Protein backbone atom coordinates (compact mmCIF):
# COMPACT_ATOMS: atom_id res chain seq x y z
CA UNK A 1 6.56 58.27 101.53
CA UNK A 2 3.52 60.35 102.35
CA UNK A 3 0.00 59.15 101.67
CA UNK A 4 -0.36 61.81 98.93
CA UNK A 5 2.83 60.58 97.22
CA UNK A 6 1.69 56.97 97.46
CA UNK A 7 -1.70 57.85 96.02
CA UNK A 8 -0.13 59.78 93.12
CA UNK A 9 2.24 56.90 92.43
CA UNK A 10 -0.61 54.40 92.43
CA UNK A 11 -2.55 56.63 90.06
CA UNK A 12 0.48 57.11 87.84
CA UNK A 13 0.54 60.83 88.57
CA UNK A 14 3.86 61.05 90.45
CA UNK A 15 5.26 63.60 88.00
CA UNK A 16 2.10 65.69 87.80
CA UNK A 17 2.48 69.26 89.07
CA UNK A 18 1.42 69.64 92.70
CA UNK A 19 -1.97 71.25 93.26
CA UNK A 20 -1.26 74.53 95.10
CA UNK A 21 -4.50 74.19 97.06
CA UNK A 22 -3.65 70.68 98.21
CA UNK A 23 -0.07 70.92 99.50
CA UNK A 24 0.89 68.35 102.12
CA UNK A 25 0.86 69.43 105.76
CA UNK A 26 4.58 68.60 106.03
CA UNK A 27 5.41 71.02 103.22
CA UNK A 28 3.10 73.79 104.44
CA UNK A 29 4.15 73.54 108.06
CA UNK A 30 7.82 72.73 107.60
CA UNK A 31 10.38 72.98 110.39
CA UNK A 32 11.32 76.55 109.50
CA UNK A 33 7.69 77.72 109.63
CA UNK A 34 7.00 75.93 112.90
CA UNK A 35 10.14 77.26 114.61
CA UNK A 36 9.34 80.80 113.45
CA UNK A 37 5.73 80.80 114.66
CA UNK A 38 5.76 78.39 117.62
CA UNK A 39 7.97 76.60 120.12
CA UNK A 40 7.54 73.34 118.17
CA UNK A 41 10.00 71.89 115.69
CA UNK A 42 7.39 70.11 113.59
CA UNK A 43 3.69 70.16 112.83
CA UNK A 44 3.52 66.63 114.24
CA UNK A 45 4.84 67.84 117.61
CA UNK A 46 2.35 70.71 117.53
CA UNK A 47 -0.71 68.51 116.97
CA UNK A 48 0.54 65.83 119.38
CA UNK A 49 0.78 68.48 122.12
CA UNK A 50 -2.94 69.13 121.60
CA UNK A 51 -3.74 65.39 121.63
CA UNK A 52 -4.96 65.55 118.03
CA UNK A 53 -4.52 62.76 115.47
CA UNK A 54 -3.73 64.62 112.24
CA UNK A 55 -2.31 63.21 109.02
CA UNK A 56 -4.31 65.10 106.38
CA UNK A 57 -6.23 68.32 105.82
CA UNK A 58 -9.38 66.20 106.18
CA UNK A 59 -8.33 65.21 109.72
CA UNK A 60 -8.06 68.87 110.64
CA UNK A 61 -11.48 69.58 109.15
CA UNK A 62 -12.90 66.91 111.46
CA UNK A 63 -11.64 68.69 114.60
CA UNK A 64 -14.17 71.17 116.05
CA UNK A 65 -13.05 74.68 115.01
CA UNK A 66 -13.19 76.04 118.54
CA UNK A 67 -10.86 73.33 119.89
CA UNK A 68 -8.26 73.68 117.15
CA UNK A 69 -8.42 77.50 117.18
CA UNK A 70 -7.79 77.47 120.93
CA UNK A 71 -4.79 75.16 120.47
CA UNK A 72 -3.39 77.33 117.66
CA UNK A 73 -3.85 80.47 119.77
CA UNK A 74 -2.08 78.89 122.77
CA UNK A 75 0.79 77.24 120.91
CA UNK A 76 1.59 79.68 118.07
CA UNK A 77 1.69 83.40 117.37
CA UNK A 78 -1.54 83.10 115.33
CA UNK A 79 -5.00 83.90 116.72
CA UNK A 80 -6.66 80.93 114.96
CA UNK A 81 -6.21 78.06 112.50
CA UNK A 82 -7.39 80.03 109.47
CA UNK A 83 -4.68 82.67 110.02
CA UNK A 84 -2.01 80.02 110.49
CA UNK A 85 -3.07 78.13 107.36
CA UNK A 86 -3.24 81.29 105.22
CA UNK A 87 0.28 82.33 106.30
CA UNK A 88 1.65 78.85 105.62
CA UNK A 89 0.11 78.85 102.13
CA UNK A 90 1.49 82.33 101.41
CA UNK A 91 4.97 81.34 102.62
CA UNK A 92 4.88 78.14 100.56
CA UNK A 93 3.72 80.00 97.43
CA UNK A 94 6.52 82.56 97.85
CA UNK A 95 9.12 79.84 98.35
CA UNK A 96 8.06 77.92 95.23
CA UNK A 97 8.16 80.91 92.87
């Protein structure tokens, strides 16, 4: 169970519609997305390769932009984190329609 799911369950909001701006990293960067845009099978493998500790969007926000952008540029077909995140959100929105 993810932290977000646990939090929703504790708050009694398990059945509440998911906030499209706060989708879990696992859902945004699923295996299909990661295989298509990188040589990694999961987002966890991707961040581990860069020696980053990432569980939430907040964790990513705490990484200096330059460091994470460089990692994204090296390990994916995106030039930076913002591009990767925007594509993941667009793909997720299209898949949930």
